[in-house]
Structure formats: structure tokens, C-alpha cells
Amino acid sequence: MKKLFSAALLGLMGAAASVQANDHIIEKQGLYYLQPGYDVNDVAEFYWRSLNGWSEKPANVAKYFTPQGVFELPYAPVEDFSFFATASKGRENMTRYFTGMSEYLGDLKYADWKGWRKVVTAEPGVFVFEYTSSGKIKQSGGDYNQQFIAIVTINDGQIASAREYWNPYVALRDFGLIRKTQ
């Protein structure tokens, strides 16, 4: 029994060690903040933490945004498919949108932020990231692999806006909403 407990404890310690602490990211009252002195890598990790695994924990996304933060998807084909949205403003609306989308997508994982392309802009607090994600379409079990470019604005240590550009063709094809003609 003692060996089993020790092995379990070591396993927990190993799992905790695999999630490296970032001194520039803190949690306060269930919300997450960047601390002064952050850099582009801290912002990339912060944004990645907000997105990664949202299909299983959709409420997590909003915890990284300001109270009136905006998550925009300018290329979302809302005219033809109402379950998409071009923007969600405020934590409650953001959570509602990601909760609704989690009915369609599962096991959504974003590429490790360390491998993202990161661009610091001339405008303070504005960053550009290029990255990928992969997951499963719940209805069909098929793969969903997407590429993104996001413009992220940080204000008061949280995300004030994230404008995520992605390929709507990939989404429509993988969701089975369109198909190739040849």
C-alpha cells in the first residue's frame, strides 16, 4: 500500500511538473491575468491557455478576457450557417458561443504556443499569432484541422479582443456542409 501511494504521489508530482509555471500569468478569483513585464511569448501562452481544449471546457475561454472582451471570427459564414458567429462580446456571450460550438467539435487541441509564429506590432498591447489546431467533428467522427491567424489585444492584463482568421472552406468541408464537385 505504501509503495502504491508513493507511486501515485510521484505520478501527481510529475504531472504537475509538466505544466510549467509562468510568473507573468496569475489566477485571481477564477480569472486569469498577465502581470506587468510580459512579452510576446507570455501573451502567446496566455492566449493558447484560453483556447486549448475549449471543446471540453468552453467556459474557460472567457476567463482570460476583460469583462467586455470581444472574440471575433470575421470569416465565419453566418449568413448560411447560423451556428457560427462573427463576434461574441462579453464573457457571458463568449461562453454561450463556445458552449454551443462544443456540441459540434470535440477534443480540440491547439499546437503548442512555443511553435507559433509570433509578431509584435508597433501598437502597444497588440500581437499577431499564426498557429494550427486539430480536433474531431462530433457528428461524423472525422478530423478537423484548421490554420489561424489571430490579432490579440491585451488591456489591463487580459484579452480585450481577439480577431481570429481561419479558412471557412475547411470548416464547411469538414463539417459536411459543402462538398467538392469533382
N, C-alpha and C. Protein backbone atom coordinates (compact mmCIF):
# COMPACT_ATOMS: atom_id res chain seq x y z
N MET A 1 0.83 -1.19 0.00
CA MET A 1 0.00 0.00 0.00
C MET A 1 0.87 1.26 0.00
N LYS A 2 1.94 1.24 0.82
CA LYS A 2 2.82 2.38 0.89
C LYS A 2 3.48 2.65 -0.47
N LYS A 3 3.90 1.57 -1.16
CA LYS A 3 4.51 1.72 -2.48
C LYS A 3 3.51 2.30 -3.48
N LEU A 4 2.27 1.83 -3.41
CA LEU A 4 1.23 2.30 -4.31
C LEU A 4 0.97 3.79 -4.10
N PHE A 5 0.89 4.21 -2.83
CA PHE A 5 0.68 5.61 -2.51
C PHE A 5 1.85 6.46 -3.00
N SER A 6 3.07 5.99 -2.78
CA SER A 6 4.26 6.72 -3.21
C SER A 6 4.29 6.85 -4.73
N ALA A 7 3.93 5.79 -5.44
CA ALA A 7 3.91 5.83 -6.90
C ALA A 7 2.86 6.83 -7.38
N ALA A 8 1.69 6.83 -6.74
CA ALA A 8 0.63 7.76 -7.12
C ALA A 8 1.06 9.20 -6.86
N LEU A 9 1.71 9.42 -5.72
CA LEU A 9 2.18 10.75 -5.38
C LEU A 9 3.24 11.23 -6.38
N LEU A 10 4.15 10.35 -6.74
CA LEU A 10 5.17 10.70 -7.74
C LEU A 10 4.52 11.01 -9.09
N GLY A 11 3.49 10.25 -9.44
CA GLY A 11 2.78 10.49 -10.69
C GLY A 11 2.12 11.86 -10.69
N LEU A 12 1.51 12.24 -9.57
CA LEU A 12 0.89 13.55 -9.46
C LEU A 12 1.93 14.66 -9.54
N MET A 13 3.05 14.45 -8.88
CA MET A 13 4.12 15.44 -8.90
C MET A 13 4.67 15.59 -10.32
N GLY A 14 4.79 14.49 -11.03
CA GLY A 14 5.28 14.53 -12.41
C GLY A 14 4.31 15.27 -13.31
N ALA A 15 3.01 15.03 -13.12
CA ALA A 15 2.01 15.71 -13.93
C ALA A 15 2.03 17.21 -13.65
N ALA A 16 2.17 17.58 -12.38
CA ALA A 16 2.22 18.99 -12.03
C ALA A 16 3.46 19.65 -12.61
N ALA A 17 4.56 18.94 -12.61
CA ALA A 17 5.80 19.50 -13.13
C ALA A 17 5.74 19.70 -14.63
N SER A 18 4.91 18.91 -15.34
CA SER A 18 4.83 19.04 -16.79
C SER A 18 4.13 20.34 -17.20
N VAL A 19 3.31 20.92 -16.31
CA VAL A 19 2.69 22.21 -16.57
C VAL A 19 3.59 23.25 -15.91
N GLN A 20 4.42 23.87 -16.71
CA GLN A 20 5.39 24.81 -16.16
C GLN A 20 4.71 26.11 -15.77
N ALA A 21 5.11 26.63 -14.63
CA ALA A 21 4.57 27.89 -14.16
C ALA A 21 5.12 29.03 -14.99
N ASN A 22 4.31 30.04 -15.18
CA ASN A 22 4.73 31.26 -15.85
C ASN A 22 4.48 32.39 -14.87
N ASP A 23 5.54 33.06 -14.45
CA ASP A 23 5.42 34.13 -13.45
C ASP A 23 4.60 35.32 -13.94
N HIS A 24 4.39 35.41 -15.24
CA HIS A 24 3.62 36.53 -15.77
C HIS A 24 2.13 36.21 -15.93
N ILE A 25 1.72 34.99 -15.62
CA ILE A 25 0.31 34.61 -15.71
C ILE A 25 -0.15 34.20 -14.32
N ILE A 26 -1.18 34.89 -13.82
CA ILE A 26 -1.70 34.56 -12.49
C ILE A 26 -3.21 34.35 -12.57
N GLU A 27 -3.74 33.69 -11.55
CA GLU A 27 -5.18 33.46 -11.41
C GLU A 27 -5.65 34.25 -10.20
N LYS A 28 -6.75 35.01 -10.36
CA LYS A 28 -7.37 35.75 -9.27
C LYS A 28 -8.87 35.55 -9.37
N GLN A 29 -9.45 34.97 -8.33
CA GLN A 29 -10.90 34.79 -8.26
C GLN A 29 -11.47 34.13 -9.51
N GLY A 30 -10.78 33.11 -9.99
CA GLY A 30 -11.26 32.33 -11.12
C GLY A 30 -10.99 32.93 -12.49
N LEU A 31 -10.32 34.08 -12.53
CA LEU A 31 -9.98 34.72 -13.80
C LEU A 31 -8.46 34.75 -13.94
N TYR A 32 -7.99 34.90 -15.17
CA TYR A 32 -6.55 34.87 -15.42
C TYR A 32 -6.07 36.21 -15.94
N TYR A 33 -4.85 36.56 -15.52
CA TYR A 33 -4.27 37.86 -15.85
C TYR A 33 -2.80 37.72 -16.21
N LEU A 34 -2.36 38.59 -17.12
CA LEU A 34 -0.94 38.77 -17.40
C LEU A 34 -0.43 39.84 -16.45
N GLN A 35 0.72 39.60 -15.88
CA GLN A 35 1.35 40.57 -14.99
C GLN A 35 2.25 41.50 -15.78
N PRO A 36 2.46 42.73 -15.28
CA PRO A 36 3.36 43.66 -15.98
C PRO A 36 4.72 43.02 -16.26
N GLY A 37 5.28 43.40 -17.38
CA GLY A 37 6.57 42.86 -17.79
C GLY A 37 6.44 41.68 -18.75
N TYR A 38 5.22 41.34 -19.14
CA TYR A 38 5.02 40.22 -20.07
C TYR A 38 5.60 40.56 -21.44
N ASP A 39 5.89 39.51 -22.20
CA ASP A 39 6.39 39.68 -23.56
C ASP A 39 5.52 38.88 -24.53
N VAL A 40 5.91 38.85 -25.80
CA VAL A 40 5.12 38.18 -26.83
C VAL A 40 4.93 36.70 -26.52
N ASN A 41 5.93 36.06 -25.94
CA ASN A 41 5.80 34.64 -25.59
C ASN A 41 4.79 34.43 -24.47
N ASP A 42 4.78 35.33 -23.49
CA ASP A 42 3.80 35.24 -22.41
C ASP A 42 2.38 35.41 -22.96
N VAL A 43 2.21 36.36 -23.88
CA VAL A 43 0.89 36.58 -24.48
C VAL A 43 0.47 35.37 -25.30
N ALA A 44 1.39 34.80 -26.06
CA ALA A 44 1.07 33.60 -26.85
C ALA A 44 0.62 32.47 -25.93
N GLU A 45 1.35 32.24 -24.84
CA GLU A 45 0.96 31.19 -23.90
C GLU A 45 -0.39 31.49 -23.27
N PHE A 46 -0.62 32.74 -22.90
CA PHE A 46 -1.88 33.18 -22.29
C PHE A 46 -3.05 32.90 -23.23
N TYR A 47 -2.90 33.31 -24.49
CA TYR A 47 -3.95 33.09 -25.48
C TYR A 47 -4.15 31.60 -25.73
N TRP A 48 -3.05 30.85 -25.83
CA TRP A 48 -3.13 29.40 -26.03
C TRP A 48 -3.91 28.75 -24.87
N ARG A 49 -3.61 29.16 -23.64
CA ARG A 49 -4.32 28.60 -22.48
C ARG A 49 -5.82 28.88 -22.57
N SER A 50 -6.19 30.03 -23.09
CA SER A 50 -7.62 30.37 -23.20
C SER A 50 -8.32 29.47 -24.22
N LEU A 51 -7.61 29.08 -25.27
CA LEU A 51 -8.22 28.31 -26.35
C LEU A 51 -8.11 26.80 -26.21
N ASN A 52 -6.97 26.33 -25.78
CA ASN A 52 -6.68 24.90 -25.83
C ASN A 52 -7.69 24.09 -25.01
N GLY A 53 -8.35 23.16 -25.67
CA GLY A 53 -9.32 22.30 -25.00
C GLY A 53 -10.68 22.93 -24.75
N TRP A 54 -10.99 24.05 -25.42
CA TRP A 54 -12.27 24.70 -25.16
C TRP A 54 -13.46 23.81 -25.52
N SER A 55 -13.26 22.85 -26.39
CA SER A 55 -14.39 21.99 -26.77
C SER A 55 -14.87 21.16 -25.57
N GLU A 56 -14.01 20.93 -24.59
CA GLU A 56 -14.40 20.21 -23.38
C GLU A 56 -14.69 21.17 -22.22
N LYS A 57 -14.11 22.36 -22.25
CA LYS A 57 -14.30 23.35 -21.18
C LYS A 57 -14.56 24.72 -21.81
N PRO A 58 -15.73 24.90 -22.42
CA PRO A 58 -15.98 26.15 -23.16
C PRO A 58 -15.98 27.41 -22.30
N ALA A 59 -16.29 27.29 -21.02
CA ALA A 59 -16.31 28.47 -20.15
C ALA A 59 -14.91 28.99 -19.85
N ASN A 60 -13.90 28.18 -20.12
CA ASN A 60 -12.52 28.58 -19.83
C ASN A 60 -12.08 29.77 -20.67
N VAL A 61 -12.54 29.87 -21.90
CA VAL A 61 -12.08 30.93 -22.81
C VAL A 61 -12.29 32.31 -22.18
N ALA A 62 -13.48 32.58 -21.70
CA ALA A 62 -13.84 33.91 -21.19
C ALA A 62 -13.05 34.32 -19.96
N LYS A 63 -12.47 33.39 -19.25
CA LYS A 63 -11.72 33.69 -18.02
C LYS A 63 -10.44 34.47 -18.31
N TYR A 64 -10.05 34.55 -19.56
CA TYR A 64 -8.83 35.25 -19.97
C TYR A 64 -9.14 36.62 -20.58
N PHE A 65 -10.42 36.92 -20.76
CA PHE A 65 -10.85 38.15 -21.42
C PHE A 65 -11.33 39.18 -20.41
N THR A 66 -11.23 40.45 -20.80
CA THR A 66 -11.80 41.53 -19.99
C THR A 66 -13.32 41.33 -19.94
N PRO A 67 -14.00 41.97 -18.97
CA PRO A 67 -15.46 41.78 -18.86
C PRO A 67 -16.21 42.06 -20.17
N GLN A 68 -15.77 43.04 -20.94
CA GLN A 68 -16.42 43.36 -22.21
C GLN A 68 -15.57 42.93 -23.41
N GLY A 69 -14.68 41.98 -23.18
CA GLY A 69 -13.80 41.49 -24.24
C GLY A 69 -14.59 40.95 -25.43
N VAL A 70 -13.95 40.97 -26.58
CA VAL A 70 -14.61 40.54 -27.82
C VAL A 70 -13.78 39.44 -28.48
N PHE A 71 -14.45 38.37 -28.87
CA PHE A 71 -13.84 37.31 -29.66
C PHE A 71 -14.50 37.38 -31.03
N GLU A 72 -13.70 37.71 -32.05
CA GLU A 72 -14.24 37.90 -33.40
C GLU A 72 -13.77 36.80 -34.34
N LEU A 73 -14.68 36.40 -35.22
CA LEU A 73 -14.40 35.43 -36.28
C LEU A 73 -14.92 36.04 -37.58
N PRO A 74 -14.18 36.98 -38.17
CA PRO A 74 -14.69 37.72 -39.32
C PRO A 74 -15.08 36.86 -40.51
N TYR A 75 -14.45 35.70 -40.68
CA TYR A 75 -14.75 34.86 -41.84
C TYR A 75 -15.83 33.80 -41.57
N ALA A 76 -16.44 33.83 -40.41
CA ALA A 76 -17.47 32.84 -40.12
C ALA A 76 -18.65 33.02 -41.08
N PRO A 77 -19.09 31.94 -41.71
CA PRO A 77 -20.17 32.02 -42.71
C PRO A 77 -21.56 32.07 -42.08
N VAL A 78 -21.82 33.14 -41.33
CA VAL A 78 -23.06 33.24 -40.56
C VAL A 78 -24.31 33.38 -41.43
N GLU A 79 -24.16 33.91 -42.63
CA GLU A 79 -25.33 34.08 -43.49
C GLU A 79 -25.95 32.74 -43.88
N ASP A 80 -25.11 31.73 -44.00
CA ASP A 80 -25.59 30.42 -44.43
C ASP A 80 -25.73 29.41 -43.29
N PHE A 81 -24.98 29.61 -42.21
CA PHE A 81 -24.95 28.62 -41.12
C PHE A 81 -25.02 29.35 -39.78
N SER A 82 -26.20 29.36 -39.19
CA SER A 82 -26.46 30.18 -38.02
C SER A 82 -25.71 29.76 -36.76
N PHE A 83 -25.14 28.56 -36.72
CA PHE A 83 -24.44 28.18 -35.50
C PHE A 83 -23.08 28.86 -35.39
N PHE A 84 -22.59 29.48 -36.48
CA PHE A 84 -21.38 30.29 -36.42
C PHE A 84 -21.75 31.69 -35.95
N ALA A 85 -20.78 32.42 -35.42
CA ALA A 85 -20.97 33.82 -35.06
C ALA A 85 -19.73 34.60 -35.48
N THR A 86 -19.92 35.84 -35.91
CA THR A 86 -18.77 36.66 -36.28
C THR A 86 -18.16 37.36 -35.07
N ALA A 87 -18.92 37.51 -33.99
CA ALA A 87 -18.37 38.15 -32.80
C ALA A 87 -19.19 37.76 -31.57
N SER A 88 -18.48 37.63 -30.47
CA SER A 88 -19.10 37.42 -29.16
C SER A 88 -18.50 38.45 -28.22
N LYS A 89 -19.35 39.32 -27.68
CA LYS A 89 -18.86 40.38 -26.79
C LYS A 89 -19.29 40.09 -25.36
N GLY A 90 -18.33 40.16 -24.46
CA GLY A 90 -18.59 39.92 -23.05
C GLY A 90 -18.42 38.45 -22.70
N ARG A 91 -18.07 38.21 -21.46
CA ARG A 91 -17.77 36.85 -21.02
C ARG A 91 -18.96 35.91 -21.16
N GLU A 92 -20.15 36.39 -20.82
CA GLU A 92 -21.34 35.52 -20.89
C GLU A 92 -21.64 35.10 -22.33
N ASN A 93 -21.62 36.04 -23.25
CA ASN A 93 -21.89 35.71 -24.66
C ASN A 93 -20.81 34.81 -25.24
N MET A 94 -19.57 35.07 -24.84
CA MET A 94 -18.46 34.24 -25.30
C MET A 94 -18.65 32.79 -24.84
N THR A 95 -18.99 32.64 -23.57
CA THR A 95 -19.21 31.30 -23.02
C THR A 95 -20.38 30.61 -23.72
N ARG A 96 -21.43 31.36 -23.99
CA ARG A 96 -22.59 30.79 -24.68
C ARG A 96 -22.19 30.30 -26.08
N TYR A 97 -21.40 31.10 -26.80
CA TYR A 97 -20.97 30.71 -28.15
C TYR A 97 -20.11 29.45 -28.11
N PHE A 98 -19.09 29.43 -27.27
CA PHE A 98 -18.20 28.28 -27.23
C PHE A 98 -18.91 27.04 -26.69
N THR A 99 -19.87 27.22 -25.80
CA THR A 99 -20.66 26.08 -25.33
C THR A 99 -21.46 25.50 -26.49
N GLY A 100 -22.08 26.36 -27.28
CA GLY A 100 -22.83 25.89 -28.44
C GLY A 100 -21.95 25.18 -29.46
N MET A 101 -20.77 25.74 -29.71
CA MET A 101 -19.86 25.11 -30.68
C MET A 101 -19.30 23.79 -30.16
N SER A 102 -19.24 23.63 -28.84
CA SER A 102 -18.71 22.38 -28.29
C SER A 102 -19.63 21.20 -28.57
N GLU A 103 -20.86 21.47 -29.00
CA GLU A 103 -21.76 20.39 -29.42
C GLU A 103 -21.31 19.80 -30.76
N TYR A 104 -20.53 20.56 -31.51
CA TYR A 104 -20.10 20.14 -32.84
C TYR A 104 -18.66 19.65 -32.88
N LEU A 105 -17.80 20.23 -32.04
CA LEU A 105 -16.37 19.90 -32.05
C LEU A 105 -15.95 19.23 -30.75
N GLY A 106 -15.07 18.25 -30.87
CA GLY A 106 -14.54 17.57 -29.69
C GLY A 106 -13.04 17.46 -29.75
N ASP A 107 -12.45 17.32 -28.59
CA ASP A 107 -11.01 17.07 -28.46
C ASP A 107 -10.19 18.09 -29.25
N LEU A 108 -10.61 19.35 -29.20
CA LEU A 108 -9.92 20.39 -29.95
C LEU A 108 -8.66 20.81 -29.22
N LYS A 109 -7.54 20.64 -29.87
CA LYS A 109 -6.23 20.97 -29.30
C LYS A 109 -5.52 21.93 -30.24
N TYR A 110 -4.87 22.90 -29.65
CA TYR A 110 -4.10 23.87 -30.41
C TYR A 110 -2.62 23.51 -30.34
N ALA A 111 -1.91 23.75 -31.43
CA ALA A 111 -0.47 23.48 -31.47
C ALA A 111 0.20 24.23 -30.32
N ASP A 112 1.26 23.65 -29.79
CA ASP A 112 2.00 24.25 -28.69
C ASP A 112 2.39 25.68 -29.04
N TRP A 113 2.09 26.61 -28.16
CA TRP A 113 2.35 28.02 -28.41
C TRP A 113 3.82 28.32 -28.69
N LYS A 114 4.71 27.48 -28.22
CA LYS A 114 6.14 27.72 -28.46
C LYS A 114 6.47 27.65 -29.95
N GLY A 115 5.68 26.89 -30.72
CA GLY A 115 5.91 26.75 -32.15
C GLY A 115 5.12 27.74 -33.00
N TRP A 116 4.31 28.57 -32.37
CA TRP A 116 3.54 29.55 -33.13
C TRP A 116 4.46 30.60 -33.75
N ARG A 117 4.03 31.15 -34.85
CA ARG A 117 4.70 32.33 -35.38
C ARG A 117 4.14 33.51 -34.59
N LYS A 118 5.02 34.36 -34.07
CA LYS A 118 4.62 35.45 -33.19
C LYS A 118 5.15 36.77 -33.74
N VAL A 119 4.28 37.77 -33.80
CA VAL A 119 4.66 39.07 -34.32
C VAL A 119 4.26 40.14 -33.31
N VAL A 120 5.22 40.98 -32.94
CA VAL A 120 4.94 42.13 -32.10
C VAL A 120 4.67 43.30 -33.04
N THR A 121 3.59 43.99 -32.82
CA THR A 121 3.25 45.12 -33.69
C THR A 121 3.80 46.42 -33.10
N ALA A 122 3.70 47.48 -33.87
CA ALA A 122 4.14 48.80 -33.39
C ALA A 122 3.16 49.37 -32.37
N GLU A 123 1.96 48.83 -32.34
CA GLU A 123 0.94 49.30 -31.40
C GLU A 123 1.07 48.56 -30.07
N PRO A 124 1.26 49.27 -28.97
CA PRO A 124 1.42 48.60 -27.67
C PRO A 124 0.22 47.71 -27.34
N GLY A 125 0.52 46.51 -26.87
CA GLY A 125 -0.52 45.58 -26.45
C GLY A 125 -1.16 44.78 -27.56
N VAL A 126 -0.70 44.95 -28.80
CA VAL A 126 -1.29 44.24 -29.94
C VAL A 126 -0.26 43.24 -30.49
N PHE A 127 -0.71 42.00 -30.63
CA PHE A 127 0.16 40.90 -31.06
C PHE A 127 -0.54 40.11 -32.16
N VAL A 128 0.26 39.49 -33.03
CA VAL A 128 -0.28 38.66 -34.10
C VAL A 128 0.35 37.28 -33.98
N PHE A 129 -0.51 36.26 -34.08
CA PHE A 129 -0.05 34.87 -33.97
C PHE A 129 -0.57 34.05 -35.14
N GLU A 130 0.25 33.11 -35.58
CA GLU A 130 -0.16 32.14 -36.60
C GLU A 130 0.03 30.76 -35.99
N TYR A 131 -1.02 29.92 -36.08
CA TYR A 131 -1.00 28.62 -35.39
C TYR A 131 -2.02 27.68 -36.02
N THR A 132 -2.05 26.45 -35.54
CA THR A 132 -2.97 25.44 -36.05
C THR A 132 -3.71 24.77 -34.89
N SER A 133 -4.78 24.07 -35.24
CA SER A 133 -5.49 23.25 -34.26
C SER A 133 -5.95 21.96 -34.93
N SER A 134 -6.28 20.99 -34.11
CA SER A 134 -6.86 19.74 -34.62
C SER A 134 -7.88 19.24 -33.61
N GLY A 135 -8.89 18.59 -34.12
CA GLY A 135 -9.94 18.05 -33.27
C GLY A 135 -10.79 17.08 -34.06
N LYS A 136 -11.95 16.77 -33.50
CA LYS A 136 -12.88 15.83 -34.13
C LYS A 136 -14.25 16.47 -34.30
N ILE A 137 -14.86 16.18 -35.44
CA ILE A 137 -16.25 16.57 -35.68
C ILE A 137 -17.11 15.55 -34.95
N LYS A 138 -17.92 15.98 -34.01
CA LYS A 138 -18.68 15.03 -33.19
C LYS A 138 -19.69 14.23 -34.02
N GLN A 139 -20.36 14.87 -34.96
CA GLN A 139 -21.39 14.19 -35.73
C GLN A 139 -20.83 13.06 -36.59
N SER A 140 -19.68 13.30 -37.23
CA SER A 140 -19.14 12.31 -38.16
C SER A 140 -17.95 11.53 -37.62
N GLY A 141 -17.30 12.07 -36.59
CA GLY A 141 -16.07 11.46 -36.09
C GLY A 141 -14.86 11.80 -36.94
N GLY A 142 -15.08 12.62 -37.97
CA GLY A 142 -13.99 13.00 -38.86
C GLY A 142 -13.05 14.01 -38.24
N ASP A 143 -11.89 14.13 -38.85
CA ASP A 143 -10.89 15.07 -38.37
C ASP A 143 -11.26 16.50 -38.73
N TYR A 144 -10.83 17.42 -37.89
CA TYR A 144 -10.96 18.85 -38.16
C TYR A 144 -9.61 19.48 -37.89
N ASN A 145 -8.96 19.94 -38.93
CA ASN A 145 -7.65 20.57 -38.83
C ASN A 145 -7.74 21.96 -39.45
N GLN A 146 -7.39 22.96 -38.67
CA GLN A 146 -7.56 24.33 -39.12
C GLN A 146 -6.28 25.14 -38.89
N GLN A 147 -6.10 26.16 -39.72
CA GLN A 147 -4.99 27.11 -39.57
C GLN A 147 -5.59 28.46 -39.22
N PHE A 148 -4.87 29.23 -38.40
CA PHE A 148 -5.38 30.50 -37.92
C PHE A 148 -4.31 31.59 -37.98
N ILE A 149 -4.79 32.80 -38.10
CA ILE A 149 -4.01 34.00 -37.81
C ILE A 149 -4.89 34.81 -36.88
N ALA A 150 -4.34 35.21 -35.74
CA ALA A 150 -5.12 35.97 -34.76
C ALA A 150 -4.42 37.27 -34.43
N ILE A 151 -5.23 38.31 -34.28
CA ILE A 151 -4.75 39.60 -33.79
C ILE A 151 -5.31 39.72 -32.38
N VAL A 152 -4.43 39.78 -31.40
CA VAL A 152 -4.83 39.77 -29.99
C VAL A 152 -4.41 41.08 -29.34
N THR A 153 -5.36 41.73 -28.66
CA THR A 153 -5.09 42.98 -27.96
C THR A 153 -5.23 42.75 -26.46
N ILE A 154 -4.20 43.14 -25.72
CA ILE A 154 -4.18 43.00 -24.26
C ILE A 154 -4.44 44.36 -23.63
N ASN A 155 -5.34 44.37 -22.64
CA ASN A 155 -5.65 45.59 -21.89
C ASN A 155 -5.90 45.19 -20.44
N ASP A 156 -5.28 45.89 -19.52
CA ASP A 156 -5.43 45.59 -18.09
C ASP A 156 -5.12 44.14 -17.77
N GLY A 157 -4.14 43.56 -18.47
CA GLY A 157 -3.68 42.21 -18.16
C GLY A 157 -4.56 41.10 -18.70
N GLN A 158 -5.59 41.43 -19.46
CA GLN A 158 -6.46 40.41 -20.06
C GLN A 158 -6.64 40.71 -21.55
N ILE A 159 -7.26 39.76 -22.22
CA ILE A 159 -7.51 39.92 -23.65
C ILE A 159 -8.72 40.83 -23.83
N ALA A 160 -8.51 41.97 -24.46
CA ALA A 160 -9.61 42.89 -24.75
C ALA A 160 -10.29 42.49 -26.05
N SER A 161 -9.49 41.99 -26.98
CA SER A 161 -10.07 41.49 -28.23
C SER A 161 -9.15 40.46 -28.86
N ALA A 162 -9.79 39.52 -29.51
CA ALA A 162 -9.08 38.52 -30.30
C ALA A 162 -9.85 38.40 -31.60
N ARG A 163 -9.18 38.68 -32.69
CA ARG A 163 -9.79 38.56 -34.01
C ARG A 163 -9.09 37.39 -34.69
N GLU A 164 -9.82 36.30 -34.85
CA GLU A 164 -9.24 35.06 -35.36
C GLU A 164 -9.69 34.82 -36.80
N TYR A 165 -8.72 34.76 -37.69
CA TYR A 165 -8.99 34.48 -39.11
C TYR A 165 -8.67 33.02 -39.38
N TRP A 166 -9.61 32.32 -40.01
CA TRP A 166 -9.44 30.92 -40.34
C TRP A 166 -10.10 30.66 -41.68
N ASN A 167 -9.84 29.49 -42.22
CA ASN A 167 -10.33 29.15 -43.55
C ASN A 167 -11.75 28.58 -43.45
N PRO A 168 -12.76 29.34 -43.85
CA PRO A 168 -14.13 28.83 -43.75
C PRO A 168 -14.37 27.61 -44.64
N TYR A 169 -13.64 27.51 -45.74
CA TYR A 169 -13.80 26.33 -46.61
C TYR A 169 -13.49 25.05 -45.84
N VAL A 170 -12.41 25.06 -45.07
CA VAL A 170 -12.03 23.87 -44.29
C VAL A 170 -13.15 23.51 -43.31
N ALA A 171 -13.69 24.52 -42.63
CA ALA A 171 -14.76 24.26 -41.67
C ALA A 171 -16.00 23.70 -42.37
N LEU A 172 -16.42 24.32 -43.45
CA LEU A 172 -17.61 23.86 -44.16
C LEU A 172 -17.42 22.46 -44.72
N ARG A 173 -16.25 22.19 -45.28
CA ARG A 173 -15.95 20.86 -45.83
C ARG A 173 -15.93 19.81 -44.72
N ASP A 174 -15.19 20.09 -43.65
CA ASP A 174 -15.04 19.09 -42.60
C ASP A 174 -16.33 18.85 -41.83
N PHE A 175 -17.19 19.87 -41.74
CA PHE A 175 -18.49 19.70 -41.09
C PHE A 175 -19.51 19.06 -42.02
N GLY A 176 -19.13 18.81 -43.27
CA GLY A 176 -20.03 18.17 -44.22
C GLY A 176 -21.10 19.12 -44.75
N LEU A 177 -20.85 20.42 -44.68
CA LEU A 177 -21.83 21.39 -45.13
C LEU A 177 -21.68 21.73 -46.61
N ILE A 178 -20.52 21.42 -47.18
CA ILE A 178 -20.29 21.53 -48.62
C ILE A 178 -19.44 20.34 -49.03
N ARG A 179 -19.39 20.10 -50.32
CA ARG A 179 -18.53 19.02 -50.79
C ARG A 179 -17.94 19.41 -52.14
N LYS A 180 -16.85 18.77 -52.47
CA LYS A 180 -16.20 19.02 -53.74
C LYS A 180 -17.11 18.56 -54.87
N THR A 181 -17.07 19.26 -55.98
CA THR A 181 -17.90 18.87 -57.12
C THR A 181 -17.22 17.83 -57.98
N GLN A 182 -15.91 17.71 -57.88
CA GLN A 182 -15.20 16.70 -58.68
C GLN A 182 -14.19 15.98 -57.83
